[in-house]
Amino acid sequence: MGSKVRILIVEDEFMISEDIAMRLSDFGYTIAGVVPSAKQALEILEKNDTDLALLDINIAGDMDGIELAKIIQTKYKIPFIFLTSLASRAIVERANEAAPSAFLLKPFNDRQVQISIDMALQNFSENKTAEKISTNNGNYLQPENPVVSIKDSLFLKKGNHFDRVAFEDILYMQAENNYTFIHTKKERYIFSTIIKEFEKKLPPSVFIRVHRSYIVNLNNVTGFEGLTLYINKIQIPMNKPSRDYIHKIFNTM
């Protein structure tokens, strides 16, 4: 199965940090750490694999959340969400300049936390930043069936959370009407998203559309015969142009 997305929480108010951690755990995420300062956050980022950071803007210490965000942006290159209550104009301008992937305004509920994570992953995947801070924390529009690709993985929505699935673990994708079935080494995911949207997010050097209904991971192909491609015992049809391309690739290996 895919690995659970790991989220770092940087918040110096104990009750709030514990509240967020419990919500995220209930959704199915793994907590990479809960720390009150930028210094401790950087220690975790250096040692542990972290997929997303949730940063309070006004943390105590030599470095606030905005300064920490700039380091995360340049060094660790993962999405981050600013957690904040309404602040002064100067702080709001600094926060917007840091280009977060999403904002989460206090107070918040489960739906707002979930949607901020959805938006952060999707925005980061598409090289977008969050909309500027709004005073309306209830008017959230949840992305529909987002196709999220970050670094060497797809982030696939499963229930209330995302799983991180490495490209190398994907065997093939199959289209059926407006649905896409993603077959990995351990399990299968189903999305009401056309296969073309997934194709856009995959590295073309590894994944190839061999048929209008199939995309395969070339690294997991175990054989081919005529217009049939094999991934272990699974038979996948190919069209003639794909057959010629596949034959060329494997004959030069």
C-alpha atoms as a PDB file:
ATOM      1  CA  MET A   1       0.000   0.000   0.000  1.00  0.00           C
ATOM      2  CA  GLY A   2       1.048   3.647  -0.262  1.00  0.00           C
ATOM      3  CA  SER A   3       2.796   5.245   2.663  1.00  0.00           C
ATOM      4  CA  LYS A   4       0.951   7.678   4.890  1.00  0.00           C
ATOM      5  CA  VAL A   5       1.627  11.349   4.277  1.00  0.00           C
ATOM      6  CA  ARG A   6       3.822  12.766   7.055  1.00  0.00           C
ATOM      7  CA  ILE A   7       2.899  16.203   8.419  1.00  0.00           C
ATOM      8  CA  LEU A   8       5.003  18.432  10.667  1.00  0.00           C
ATOM      9  CA  ILE A   9       3.145  20.758  13.047  1.00  0.00           C
ATOM     10  CA  VAL A  10       4.907  23.905  14.281  1.00  0.00           C
ATOM     11  CA  GLU A  11       2.717  25.620  16.878  1.00  0.00           C
ATOM     12  CA  ASP A  12       3.679  27.048  20.268  1.00  0.00           C
ATOM     13  CA  GLU A  13       0.181  26.947  21.799  1.00  0.00           C
ATOM     14  CA  PHE A  14      -0.060  23.476  23.323  1.00  0.00           C
ATOM     15  CA  MET A  15      -3.843  23.066  23.155  1.00  0.00           C
ATOM     16  CA  ILE A  16      -3.963  24.073  19.492  1.00  0.00           C
ATOM     17  CA  SER A  17      -1.046  21.847  18.483  1.00  0.00           C
ATOM     18  CA  GLU A  18      -2.574  18.845  20.254  1.00  0.00           C
ATOM     19  CA  ASP A  19      -5.958  19.555  18.673  1.00  0.00           C
ATOM     20  CA  ILE A  20      -4.460  19.636  15.174  1.00  0.00           C
ATOM     21  CA  ALA A  21      -2.379  16.507  15.790  1.00  0.00           C
ATOM     22  CA  MET A  22      -5.442  14.544  16.934  1.00  0.00           C
ATOM     23  CA  ARG A  23      -7.482  15.686  13.944  1.00  0.00           C
ATOM     24  CA  LEU A  24      -4.730  14.742  11.486  1.00  0.00           C
ATOM     25  CA  SER A  25      -4.224  11.345  13.126  1.00  0.00           C
ATOM     26  CA  ASP A  26      -7.966  10.686  12.947  1.00  0.00           C
ATOM     27  CA  PHE A  27      -7.905  11.520   9.225  1.00  0.00           C
ATOM     28  CA  GLY A  28      -5.175   8.921   8.697  1.00  0.00           C
ATOM     29  CA  TYR A  29      -2.032  11.048   8.480  1.00  0.00           C
ATOM     30  CA  THR A  30       1.272  10.384  10.222  1.00  0.00           C
ATOM     31  CA  ILE A  31       2.573  13.144  12.489  1.00  0.00           C
ATOM     32  CA  ALA A  32       6.230  13.804  11.663  1.00  0.00           C
ATOM     33  CA  GLY A  33       6.531  15.941  14.786  1.00  0.00           C
ATOM     34  CA  VAL A  34       4.814  18.547  16.951  1.00  0.00           C
ATOM     35  CA  VAL A  35       7.197  21.330  17.986  1.00  0.00           C
ATOM     36  CA  PRO A  36       6.886  24.910  19.305  1.00  0.00           C
ATOM     37  CA  SER A  37       9.884  26.519  17.579  1.00  0.00           C
ATOM     38  CA  ALA A  38      11.553  26.936  14.205  1.00  0.00           C
ATOM     39  CA  LYS A  39      14.803  25.504  15.537  1.00  0.00           C
ATOM     40  CA  GLN A  40      13.152  22.232  16.550  1.00  0.00           C
ATOM     41  CA  ALA A  41      11.242  22.126  13.269  1.00  0.00           C
ATOM     42  CA  LEU A  42      14.474  22.362  11.271  1.00  0.00           C
ATOM     43  CA  GLU A  43      15.959  19.517  13.303  1.00  0.00           C
ATOM     44  CA  ILE A  44      13.010  17.283  12.359  1.00  0.00           C
ATOM     45  CA  LEU A  45      13.130  18.322   8.714  1.00  0.00           C
ATOM     46  CA  GLU A  46      16.833  17.471   8.597  1.00  0.00           C
ATOM     47  CA  LYS A  47      16.386  14.015  10.129  1.00  0.00           C
ATOM     48  CA  ASN A  48      12.960  12.829   9.012  1.00  0.00           C
ATOM     49  CA  ASP A  49      11.094  12.444   5.737  1.00  0.00           C
ATOM     50  CA  THR A  50       8.347  15.084   5.831  1.00  0.00           C
ATOM     51  CA  ASP A  51       5.730  15.687   3.133  1.00  0.00           C
ATOM     52  CA  LEU A  52       3.989  18.816   4.386  1.00  0.00           C
ATOM     53  CA  ALA A  53       4.426  21.397   7.159  1.00  0.00           C
ATOM     54  CA  LEU A  54       1.746  23.264   9.059  1.00  0.00           C
ATOM     55  CA  LEU A  55       3.272  26.457  10.466  1.00  0.00           C
ATOM     56  CA  ASP A  56       1.892  28.937  12.943  1.00  0.00           C
ATOM     57  CA  ILE A  57       2.994  32.374  11.791  1.00  0.00           C
ATOM     58  CA  ASN A  58       3.539  33.829  15.265  1.00  0.00           C
ATOM     59  CA  ILE A  59       5.690  31.185  16.949  1.00  0.00           C
ATOM     60  CA  ALA A  60       8.018  32.351  19.689  1.00  0.00           C
ATOM     61  CA  GLY A  61      11.787  32.354  19.321  1.00  0.00           C
ATOM     62  CA  ASP A  62      14.456  33.914  17.140  1.00  0.00           C
ATOM     63  CA  MET A  63      12.627  32.910  13.964  1.00  0.00           C
ATOM     64  CA  ASP A  64       8.903  33.213  13.280  1.00  0.00           C
ATOM     65  CA  GLY A  65       6.831  30.968  11.045  1.00  0.00           C
ATOM     66  CA  ILE A  66       7.321  33.158   7.984  1.00  0.00           C
ATOM     67  CA  GLU A  67      11.113  33.029   8.237  1.00  0.00           C
ATOM     68  CA  LEU A  68      10.912  29.268   8.768  1.00  0.00           C
ATOM     69  CA  ALA A  69       8.685  28.972   5.703  1.00  0.00           C
ATOM     70  CA  LYS A  70      11.286  30.646   3.508  1.00  0.00           C
ATOM     71  CA  ILE A  71      13.900  28.087   4.578  1.00  0.00           C
ATOM     72  CA  ILE A  72      11.465  25.225   3.920  1.00  0.00           C
ATOM     73  CA  GLN A  73      10.708  26.690   0.508  1.00  0.00           C
ATOM     74  CA  THR A  74      14.332  26.956  -0.600  1.00  0.00           C
ATOM     75  CA  LYS A  75      15.971  23.990   1.142  1.00  0.00           C
ATOM     76  CA  TYR A  76      13.350  21.289   1.655  1.00  0.00           C
ATOM     77  CA  LYS A  77      10.942  22.122  -1.167  1.00  0.00           C
ATOM     78  CA  ILE A  78       7.773  20.776   0.423  1.00  0.00           C
ATOM     79  CA  PRO A  79       4.346  22.431   0.659  1.00  0.00           C
ATOM     80  CA  PHE A  80       3.517  24.408   3.785  1.00  0.00           C
ATOM     81  CA  ILE A  81       0.328  25.808   5.272  1.00  0.00           C
ATOM     82  CA  PHE A  82       0.247  28.952   7.379  1.00  0.00           C
ATOM     83  CA  LEU A  83      -1.853  28.601  10.517  1.00  0.00           C
ATOM     84  CA  THR A  84      -2.910  31.985  11.847  1.00  0.00           C
ATOM     85  CA  SER A  85      -5.571  34.186  13.354  1.00  0.00           C
ATOM     86  CA  LEU A  86      -6.251  37.624  11.942  1.00  0.00           C
ATOM     87  CA  ALA A  87      -3.067  39.679  12.188  1.00  0.00           C
ATOM     88  CA  SER A  88      -1.725  43.122  11.438  1.00  0.00           C
ATOM     89  CA  ARG A  89      -1.451  44.333   7.854  1.00  0.00           C
ATOM     90  CA  ALA A  90       2.347  44.073   7.984  1.00  0.00           C
ATOM     91  CA  ILE A  91       2.252  40.407   9.056  1.00  0.00           C
ATOM     92  CA  VAL A  92      -0.390  39.590   6.445  1.00  0.00           C
ATOM     93  CA  GLU A  93       1.755  41.139   3.701  1.00  0.00           C
ATOM     94  CA  ARG A  94       4.827  39.194   4.856  1.00  0.00           C
ATOM     95  CA  ALA A  95       2.819  35.963   4.958  1.00  0.00           C
ATOM     96  CA  ASN A  96       1.495  36.457   1.439  1.00  0.00           C
ATOM     97  CA  GLU A  97       5.007  37.234   0.144  1.00  0.00           C
ATOM     98  CA  ALA A  98       6.225  33.889   1.526  1.00  0.00           C
ATOM     99  CA  ALA A  99       3.913  32.186  -1.007  1.00  0.00           C
ATOM    100  CA  PRO A 100       2.355  29.427   1.134  1.00  0.00           C
ATOM    101  CA  SER A 101       0.481  26.592  -0.519  1.00  0.00           C
ATOM    102  CA  ALA A 102      -2.548  27.234   1.706  1.00  0.00           C
ATOM    103  CA  PHE A 103      -3.809  29.135   4.744  1.00  0.00           C
ATOM    104  CA  LEU A 104      -5.735  27.797   7.723  1.00  0.00           C
ATOM    105  CA  LEU A 105      -7.363  30.424   9.903  1.00  0.00           C
ATOM    106  CA  LYS A 106      -8.120  29.946  13.593  1.00  0.00           C
ATOM    107  CA  PRO A 107     -10.594  28.795  14.774  1.00  0.00           C
ATOM    108  CA  PHE A 108     -11.001  25.843  12.403  1.00  0.00           C
ATOM    109  CA  ASN A 109     -13.010  22.662  12.050  1.00  0.00           C
ATOM    110  CA  ASP A 110     -12.334  19.241  10.514  1.00  0.00           C
ATOM    111  CA  ARG A 111     -13.552  20.225   7.064  1.00  0.00           C
ATOM    112  CA  GLN A 112     -11.359  23.333   6.960  1.00  0.00           C
ATOM    113  CA  VAL A 113      -8.283  21.352   8.009  1.00  0.00           C
ATOM    114  CA  GLN A 114      -8.935  18.691   5.368  1.00  0.00           C
ATOM    115  CA  ILE A 115      -9.509  21.212   2.597  1.00  0.00           C
ATOM    116  CA  SER A 116      -6.416  23.235   3.482  1.00  0.00           C
ATOM    117  CA  ILE A 117      -4.319  20.068   3.086  1.00  0.00           C
ATOM    118  CA  ASP A 118      -6.046  19.222  -0.215  1.00  0.00           C
ATOM    119  CA  MET A 119      -5.408  22.741  -1.492  1.00  0.00           C
ATOM    120  CA  ALA A 120      -1.798  22.809  -0.286  1.00  0.00           C
ATOM    121  CA  LEU A 121      -0.855  19.573  -2.024  1.00  0.00           C
ATOM    122  CA  GLN A 122      -2.668  20.476  -5.223  1.00  0.00           C
ATOM    123  CA  ASN A 123      -1.310  24.037  -5.347  1.00  0.00           C
ATOM    124  CA  PHE A 124       2.240  22.850  -4.732  1.00  0.00           C
ATOM    125  CA  SER A 125       1.884  20.176  -7.384  1.00  0.00           C
ATOM    126  CA  GLU A 126       0.767  22.808  -9.898  1.00  0.00           C
ATOM    127  CA  ASN A 127       3.353  25.408  -8.804  1.00  0.00           C
ATOM    128  CA  LYS A 128       0.619  27.670  -7.500  1.00  0.00           C
ATOM    129  CA  THR A 129       0.429  29.607  -4.260  1.00  0.00           C
ATOM    130  CA  ALA A 130      -2.528  30.129  -1.960  1.00  0.00           C
ATOM    131  CA  GLU A 131      -5.015  32.904  -2.367  1.00  0.00           C
ATOM    132  CA  LYS A 132      -4.282  35.825  -0.095  1.00  0.00           C
ATOM    133  CA  ILE A 133      -5.485  35.616   3.503  1.00  0.00           C
ATOM    134  CA  SER A 134      -9.216  36.106   3.731  1.00  0.00           C
ATOM    135  CA  THR A 135     -11.250  36.988   6.795  1.00  0.00           C
ATOM    136  CA  ASN A 136     -13.820  34.348   5.823  1.00  0.00           C
ATOM    137  CA  ASN A 137     -12.652  31.005   7.234  1.00  0.00           C
ATOM    138  CA  GLY A 138     -15.842  29.176   6.344  1.00  0.00           C
ATOM    139  CA  ASN A 139     -16.046  29.708   2.606  1.00  0.00           C
ATOM    140  CA  TYR A 140     -13.821  26.890   1.389  1.00  0.00           C
ATOM    141  CA  LEU A 141     -14.091  25.263  -2.023  1.00  0.00           C
ATOM    142  CA  GLN A 142     -12.682  21.751  -1.954  1.00  0.00           C
ATOM    143  CA  PRO A 143     -10.719  20.655  -5.035  1.00  0.00           C
ATOM    144  CA  GLU A 144     -12.536  17.865  -6.887  1.00  0.00           C
ATOM    145  CA  ASN A 145     -10.512  14.686  -7.382  1.00  0.00           C
ATOM    146  CA  PRO A 146      -7.145  16.453  -7.422  1.00  0.00           C
ATOM    147  CA  VAL A 147      -4.298  14.705  -9.250  1.00  0.00           C
ATOM    148  CA  VAL A 148      -1.262  15.540  -7.153  1.00  0.00           C
ATOM    149  CA  SER A 149       2.322  14.799  -8.147  1.00  0.00           C
ATOM    150  CA  ILE A 150       5.203  15.951  -5.929  1.00  0.00           C
ATOM    151  CA  LYS A 151       8.824  14.940  -6.426  1.00  0.00           C
ATOM    152  CA  ASP A 152       8.867  11.187  -7.136  1.00  0.00           C
ATOM    153  CA  SER A 153       5.352  10.316  -5.979  1.00  0.00           C
ATOM    154  CA  LEU A 154       1.655  10.642  -6.606  1.00  0.00           C
ATOM    155  CA  PHE A 155      -0.442  11.748  -3.647  1.00  0.00           C
ATOM    156  CA  LEU A 156      -3.668   9.765  -3.937  1.00  0.00           C
ATOM    157  CA  LYS A 157      -6.804  10.632  -1.984  1.00  0.00           C
ATOM    158  CA  LYS A 158      -8.120   7.719   0.048  1.00  0.00           C
ATOM    159  CA  GLY A 159     -11.084   8.479   2.277  1.00  0.00           C
ATOM    160  CA  ASN A 160     -10.216  11.497   4.409  1.00  0.00           C
ATOM    161  CA  HIS A 161      -6.501  11.511   3.708  1.00  0.00           C
ATOM    162  CA  PHE A 162      -3.847  11.251   1.022  1.00  0.00           C
ATOM    163  CA  ASP A 163      -1.500   8.306   0.558  1.00  0.00           C
ATOM    164  CA  ARG A 164       1.911   8.909  -0.965  1.00  0.00           C
ATOM    165  CA  VAL A 165       2.592   6.358  -3.717  1.00  0.00           C
ATOM    166  CA  ALA A 166       6.068   6.357  -5.236  1.00  0.00           C
ATOM    167  CA  PHE A 167       6.192   6.222  -9.032  1.00  0.00           C
ATOM    168  CA  GLU A 168       8.271   3.049  -8.809  1.00  0.00           C
ATOM    169  CA  ASP A 169       5.422   1.277  -6.980  1.00  0.00           C
ATOM    170  CA  ILE A 170       2.846   1.974  -9.703  1.00  0.00           C
ATOM    171  CA  LEU A 171       2.402  -0.957 -12.093  1.00  0.00           C
ATOM    172  CA  TYR A 172      -0.168   0.433 -14.512  1.00  0.00           C
ATOM    173  CA  MET A 173      -3.289   2.565 -14.847  1.00  0.00           C
ATOM    174  CA  GLN A 174      -6.506   1.510 -16.522  1.00  0.00           C
ATOM    175  CA  ALA A 175      -9.308   3.728 -17.828  1.00  0.00           C
ATOM    176  CA  GLU A 176     -12.926   2.651 -17.664  1.00  0.00           C
ATOM    177  CA  ASN A 177     -15.404   5.304 -18.793  1.00  0.00           C
ATOM    178  CA  ASN A 178     -14.639   8.361 -16.625  1.00  0.00           C
ATOM    179  CA  TYR A 179     -12.845   6.336 -13.971  1.00  0.00           C
ATOM    180  CA  THR A 180      -9.158   5.542 -13.591  1.00  0.00           C
ATOM    181  CA  PHE A 181      -7.936   2.434 -11.759  1.00  0.00           C
ATOM    182  CA  ILE A 182      -4.384   2.770 -10.425  1.00  0.00           C
ATOM    183  CA  HIS A 183      -2.752  -0.597  -9.792  1.00  0.00           C
ATOM    184  CA  THR A 184       0.257  -0.522  -7.473  1.00  0.00           C
ATOM    185  CA  LYS A 185       2.434  -3.301  -6.114  1.00  0.00           C
ATOM    186  CA  LYS A 186       0.243  -3.610  -3.032  1.00  0.00           C
ATOM    187  CA  GLU A 187      -3.237  -2.264  -3.770  1.00  0.00           C
ATOM    188  CA  ARG A 188      -5.635  -0.580  -6.187  1.00  0.00           C
ATOM    189  CA  TYR A 189      -6.997   2.977  -6.145  1.00  0.00           C
ATOM    190  CA  ILE A 190     -10.115   4.144  -8.003  1.00  0.00           C
ATOM    191  CA  PHE A 191     -10.686   7.757  -9.060  1.00  0.00           C
ATOM    192  CA  SER A 192     -13.518   9.475 -10.911  1.00  0.00           C
ATOM    193  CA  THR A 193     -10.914  11.301 -12.991  1.00  0.00           C
ATOM    194  CA  ILE A 194     -10.058  10.580 -16.620  1.00  0.00           C
ATOM    195  CA  ILE A 195      -6.742   8.852 -17.253  1.00  0.00           C
ATOM    196  CA  LYS A 196      -5.463  11.786 -19.319  1.00  0.00           C
ATOM    197  CA  GLU A 197      -5.266  13.925 -16.162  1.00  0.00           C
ATOM    198  CA  PHE A 198      -2.975  11.352 -14.540  1.00  0.00           C
ATOM    199  CA  GLU A 199      -0.887  11.081 -17.694  1.00  0.00           C
ATOM    200  CA  LYS A 200      -0.060  14.796 -17.415  1.00  0.00           C
ATOM    201  CA  LYS A 201       1.421  14.261 -13.940  1.00  0.00           C
ATOM    202  CA  LEU A 202       3.643  11.261 -14.727  1.00  0.00           C
ATOM    203  CA  PRO A 203       7.259  11.346 -15.973  1.00  0.00           C
ATOM    204  CA  PRO A 204       7.088  10.417 -19.686  1.00  0.00           C
ATOM    205  CA  SER A 205      10.465   8.687 -19.509  1.00  0.00           C
ATOM    206  CA  VAL A 206       8.953   6.040 -17.218  1.00  0.00           C
ATOM    207  CA  PHE A 207       5.234   5.920 -18.018  1.00  0.00           C
ATOM    208  CA  ILE A 208       3.825   5.329 -21.493  1.00  0.00           C
ATOM    209  CA  ARG A 209       0.293   5.262 -22.866  1.00  0.00           C
ATOM    210  CA  VAL A 210       0.293   1.916 -24.667  1.00  0.00           C
ATOM    211  CA  HIS A 211      -3.430   1.896 -25.379  1.00  0.00           C
ATOM    212  CA  ARG A 212      -6.243   4.406 -25.074  1.00  0.00           C
ATOM    213  CA  SER A 213      -7.217   2.660 -21.824  1.00  0.00           C
ATOM    214  CA  TYR A 214      -3.799   1.825 -20.378  1.00  0.00           C
ATOM    215  CA  ILE A 215      -0.684   3.568 -19.048  1.00  0.00           C
ATOM    216  CA  VAL A 216       2.178   1.328 -17.929  1.00  0.00           C
ATOM    217  CA  ASN A 217       5.316   1.802 -15.864  1.00  0.00           C
ATOM    218  CA  LEU A 218       8.114   0.656 -18.201  1.00  0.00           C
ATOM    219  CA  ASN A 219      10.274  -0.295 -15.233  1.00  0.00           C
ATOM    220  CA  ASN A 220       7.721  -2.894 -14.166  1.00  0.00           C
ATOM    221  CA  VAL A 221       7.182  -4.519 -17.570  1.00  0.00           C
ATOM    222  CA  THR A 222       8.283  -8.167 -17.495  1.00  0.00           C
ATOM    223  CA  GLY A 223       7.701  -9.114 -21.125  1.00  0.00           C
ATOM    224  CA  PHE A 224       5.760  -8.636 -24.361  1.00  0.00           C
ATOM    225  CA  GLU A 225       4.452 -10.708 -27.238  1.00  0.00           C
ATOM    226  CA  GLY A 226       2.775  -9.300 -30.322  1.00  0.00           C
ATOM    227  CA  LEU A 227       0.256  -6.689 -29.167  1.00  0.00           C
ATOM    228  CA  THR A 228       0.274  -7.935 -25.570  1.00  0.00           C
ATOM    229  CA  LEU A 229       2.472  -6.544 -22.814  1.00  0.00           C
ATOM    230  CA  TYR A 230       3.072  -8.378 -19.533  1.00  0.00           C
ATOM    231  CA  ILE A 231       3.509  -7.109 -16.013  1.00  0.00           C
ATOM    232  CA  ASN A 232       4.095 -10.347 -14.169  1.00  0.00           C
ATOM    233  CA  LYS A 233       0.989 -12.407 -15.080  1.00  0.00           C
ATOM    234  CA  ILE A 234      -1.114  -9.393 -16.032  1.00  0.00           C
ATOM    235  CA  GLN A 235      -1.799  -9.014 -19.757  1.00  0.00           C
ATOM    236  CA  ILE A 236      -2.161  -5.481 -21.129  1.00  0.00           C
ATOM    237  CA  PRO A 237      -3.140  -4.698 -24.741  1.00  0.00           C
ATOM    238  CA  MET A 238      -0.976  -2.408 -26.854  1.00  0.00           C
ATOM    239  CA  ASN A 239      -1.675  -0.459 -30.022  1.00  0.00           C
ATOM    240  CA  LYS A 240       0.736  -0.853 -32.942  1.00  0.00           C
ATOM    241  CA  PRO A 241       2.708   2.404 -32.428  1.00  0.00           C
ATOM    242  CA  SER A 242       3.241   1.515 -28.774  1.00  0.00           C
ATOM    243  CA  ARG A 243       4.265  -2.024 -29.707  1.00  0.00           C
ATOM    244  CA  ASP A 244       6.954  -0.686 -32.045  1.00  0.00           C
ATOM    245  CA  TYR A 245       8.168   1.743 -29.371  1.00  0.00           C
ATOM    246  CA  ILE A 246       8.252  -0.949 -26.675  1.00  0.00           C
ATOM    247  CA  HIS A 247      10.119  -3.359 -28.953  1.00  0.00           C
ATOM    248  CA  LYS A 248      12.654  -0.653 -29.752  1.00  0.00           C
ATOM    249  CA  ILE A 249      13.233   0.161 -26.073  1.00  0.00           C
ATOM    250  CA  PHE A 250      13.686  -3.437 -24.943  1.00  0.00           C
ATOM    251  CA  ASN A 251      15.811  -4.420 -27.925  1.00  0.00           C
ATOM    252  CA  THR A 252      18.302  -1.677 -27.099  1.00  0.00           C
ATOM    253  CA  MET A 253      18.541  -2.546 -23.395  1.00  0.00           C
END
